[in-house]
């Protein structure tokens, strides 16, 4: 018996279009990542916080750099930084190269979350690599990266 998604695929539905597949993958990854992070001492961190935490260097970055790396507007990054400051994941410090500017620096709690998130994501990737096999996974990942680059190029050309 087919699932509803398979029925929709065969009937010409959109569950297998690139946007749907990418969204399903992202939601699935986030669901597992944040459930496991909660189990490992980080129950307050949410997917939106990845806009900052996923791109943050241990030495810190300016909000403008985080915005550029994440592709999010500076105002959105600022709001997320405010949340992460309140939760104890980051702090704002003067930028040593420009005292007028601030750097967003991870706290020990933030560094712990970043390390755990990277380890969890690596284990998820290993699981999928084992499921598909090295060759198929490498082809999938290379193709996926190429599609992402192509989509990014479209956005940057506007």
Protein backbone atom coordinates (compact mmCIF):
# COMPACT_ATOMS: atom_id res chain seq x y z
CA UNK A 1 0.00 0.00 0.00
CA UNK A 2 1.34 3.41 -0.94
CA UNK A 3 1.60 6.38 1.39
CA UNK A 4 -0.26 9.60 0.67
CA UNK A 5 3.02 11.18 -0.47
CA UNK A 6 3.65 8.32 -2.92
CA UNK A 7 0.04 8.58 -4.17
CA UNK A 8 0.55 12.32 -4.77
CA UNK A 9 3.84 11.64 -6.58
CA UNK A 10 2.18 9.19 -8.95
CA UNK A 11 -0.79 11.50 -9.46
CA UNK A 12 1.46 14.36 -10.51
CA UNK A 13 1.51 16.02 -7.08
CA UNK A 14 4.33 18.21 -5.86
CA UNK A 15 5.66 16.19 -2.92
CA UNK A 16 8.75 15.25 -4.89
CA UNK A 17 9.60 18.64 -6.32
CA UNK A 18 12.91 20.11 -5.24
CA UNK A 19 11.42 22.62 -2.83
CA UNK A 20 9.30 20.01 -1.07
CA UNK A 21 12.17 17.55 -0.81
CA UNK A 22 14.60 20.20 0.47
CA UNK A 23 12.02 21.38 2.99
CA UNK A 24 11.31 17.84 4.20
CA UNK A 25 15.02 17.17 4.59
CA UNK A 26 15.54 20.42 6.51
CA UNK A 27 12.58 19.82 8.82
CA UNK A 28 13.68 16.23 9.49
CA UNK A 29 17.25 17.27 10.24
CA UNK A 30 16.09 20.07 12.52
CA UNK A 31 13.65 17.83 14.37
CA UNK A 32 16.35 15.27 15.16
CA UNK A 33 19.05 17.86 15.86
CA UNK A 34 17.02 19.91 18.32
CA UNK A 35 15.53 16.87 20.07
CA UNK A 36 19.03 15.49 20.62
CA UNK A 37 20.37 18.90 21.69
CA UNK A 38 17.58 19.13 24.28
CA UNK A 39 18.58 15.70 25.61
CA UNK A 40 22.19 16.93 25.86
CA UNK A 41 21.50 20.04 27.92
CA UNK A 42 20.28 22.59 25.38
CA UNK A 43 16.47 22.56 25.56
CA UNK A 44 16.08 26.29 24.85
CA UNK A 45 17.84 26.48 21.50
CA UNK A 46 15.53 26.58 18.46
CA UNK A 47 16.05 26.23 14.70
CA UNK A 48 16.04 30.02 14.24
CA UNK A 49 19.08 30.25 16.56
CA UNK A 50 21.07 28.32 13.96
CA UNK A 51 21.18 31.55 11.96
CA UNK A 52 23.80 32.69 14.48
CA UNK A 53 25.18 29.58 16.18
CA UNK A 54 25.88 27.61 12.99
CA UNK A 55 28.04 30.39 11.56
CA UNK A 56 29.72 31.70 14.70
CA UNK A 57 33.49 31.50 15.18
CA UNK A 58 34.87 30.89 18.68
CA UNK A 59 36.55 34.32 18.50
CA UNK A 60 33.24 35.89 17.52
CA UNK A 61 31.98 37.83 14.53
CA UNK A 62 30.27 41.12 13.84
CA UNK A 63 26.54 40.95 13.19
CA UNK A 64 27.17 42.10 9.61
CA UNK A 65 29.47 39.10 9.07
CA UNK A 66 26.87 36.74 10.56
CA UNK A 67 24.26 38.28 8.29
CA UNK A 68 26.44 37.73 5.23
CA UNK A 69 27.31 34.15 6.18
CA UNK A 70 23.74 33.14 7.00
CA UNK A 71 22.01 35.09 4.24
CA UNK A 72 19.69 36.73 6.79
CA UNK A 73 19.04 40.45 7.20
CA UNK A 74 21.06 42.18 9.90
CA UNK A 75 17.88 43.05 11.82
CA UNK A 76 16.89 39.38 12.01
CA UNK A 77 20.39 38.45 13.16
CA UNK A 78 20.20 41.20 15.81
CA UNK A 79 16.90 39.86 17.15
CA UNK A 80 18.29 36.32 17.32
CA UNK A 81 21.47 37.57 19.03
CA UNK A 82 19.29 39.31 21.64
CA UNK A 83 17.53 35.98 22.30
CA UNK A 84 20.83 34.10 22.54
CA UNK A 85 22.27 36.69 24.94
CA UNK A 86 19.23 36.25 27.17
CA UNK A 87 19.64 32.45 27.03
CA UNK A 88 23.36 32.65 27.85
CA UNK A 89 24.72 31.34 24.53
CA UNK A 90 26.51 34.49 23.32
CA UNK A 91 27.64 37.88 24.56
CA UNK A 92 28.45 41.15 22.84
CA UNK A 93 32.01 42.45 23.21
CA UNK A 94 33.86 45.41 21.73
CA UNK A 95 35.59 44.52 18.46
CA UNK A 96 39.36 44.81 19.06
CA UNK A 97 39.86 46.17 15.53
CA UNK A 98 37.15 48.83 15.90
CA UNK A 99 35.94 49.77 19.38
CA UNK A 100 32.76 51.27 17.93
CA UNK A 101 31.72 47.86 16.62
CA UNK A 102 30.59 44.82 18.61
CA UNK A 103 31.50 41.19 18.13
CA UNK A 104 29.10 38.37 18.91
CA UNK A 105 31.13 35.87 20.95
CA UNK A 106 29.95 32.44 22.12
CA UNK A 107 29.94 31.78 25.87
CA UNK A 108 31.07 28.42 27.27
CA UNK A 109 27.42 27.32 27.07
CA UNK A 110 27.34 28.46 23.45
CA UNK A 111 30.58 26.67 22.60
CA UNK A 112 29.16 23.50 24.15
CA UNK A 113 26.00 23.77 22.02
CA UNK A 114 28.02 24.42 18.86
CA UNK A 115 30.26 21.40 19.49
CA UNK A 116 27.31 19.14 20.28
CA UNK A 117 25.31 20.34 17.27
CA UNK A 118 28.25 19.67 14.94
CA UNK A 119 28.74 16.19 16.42
CA UNK A 120 25.02 15.39 16.06
CA UNK A 121 24.95 16.60 12.46
CA UNK A 122 28.07 14.55 11.68
CA UNK A 123 26.40 11.44 13.13
CA UNK A 124 23.27 12.07 11.04
CA UNK A 125 25.42 12.43 7.94
CA UNK A 126 27.31 9.22 8.78
CA UNK A 127 24.01 7.37 9.15
CA UNK A 128 22.87 8.50 5.69
CA UNK A 129 26.28 7.71 4.19
CA UNK A 130 26.07 4.20 5.61
CA UNK A 131 22.53 3.81 4.30
CA UNK A 132 23.36 4.93 0.74
CA UNK A 133 26.97 3.79 0.57
CA UNK A 134 29.97 6.03 0.06
CA UNK A 135 29.73 6.40 -3.72
CA UNK A 136 25.99 7.22 -3.85
CA UNK A 137 26.25 9.58 -0.89
CA UNK A 138 29.20 11.44 -2.44
CA UNK A 139 27.29 11.84 -5.73
CA UNK A 140 24.15 12.98 -3.86
CA UNK A 141 26.03 15.53 -1.76
CA UNK A 142 28.00 16.90 -4.73
CA UNK A 143 24.80 17.27 -6.78
CA UNK A 144 22.95 18.87 -3.87
CA UNK A 145 25.81 21.37 -3.37
CA UNK A 146 25.74 22.19 -7.08
CA UNK A 147 21.99 22.85 -6.96
CA UNK A 148 22.46 25.09 -3.90
CA UNK A 149 25.23 27.04 -5.67
CA UNK A 150 23.03 27.46 -8.73
CA UNK A 151 20.15 28.74 -6.63
CA UNK A 152 22.44 31.08 -4.74
CA UNK A 153 23.79 32.43 -8.04
CA UNK A 154 20.24 33.24 -9.14
CA UNK A 155 19.63 35.18 -5.92
CA UNK A 156 22.93 37.06 -6.20
CA UNK A 157 22.25 38.01 -9.81
CA UNK A 158 19.11 39.93 -8.84
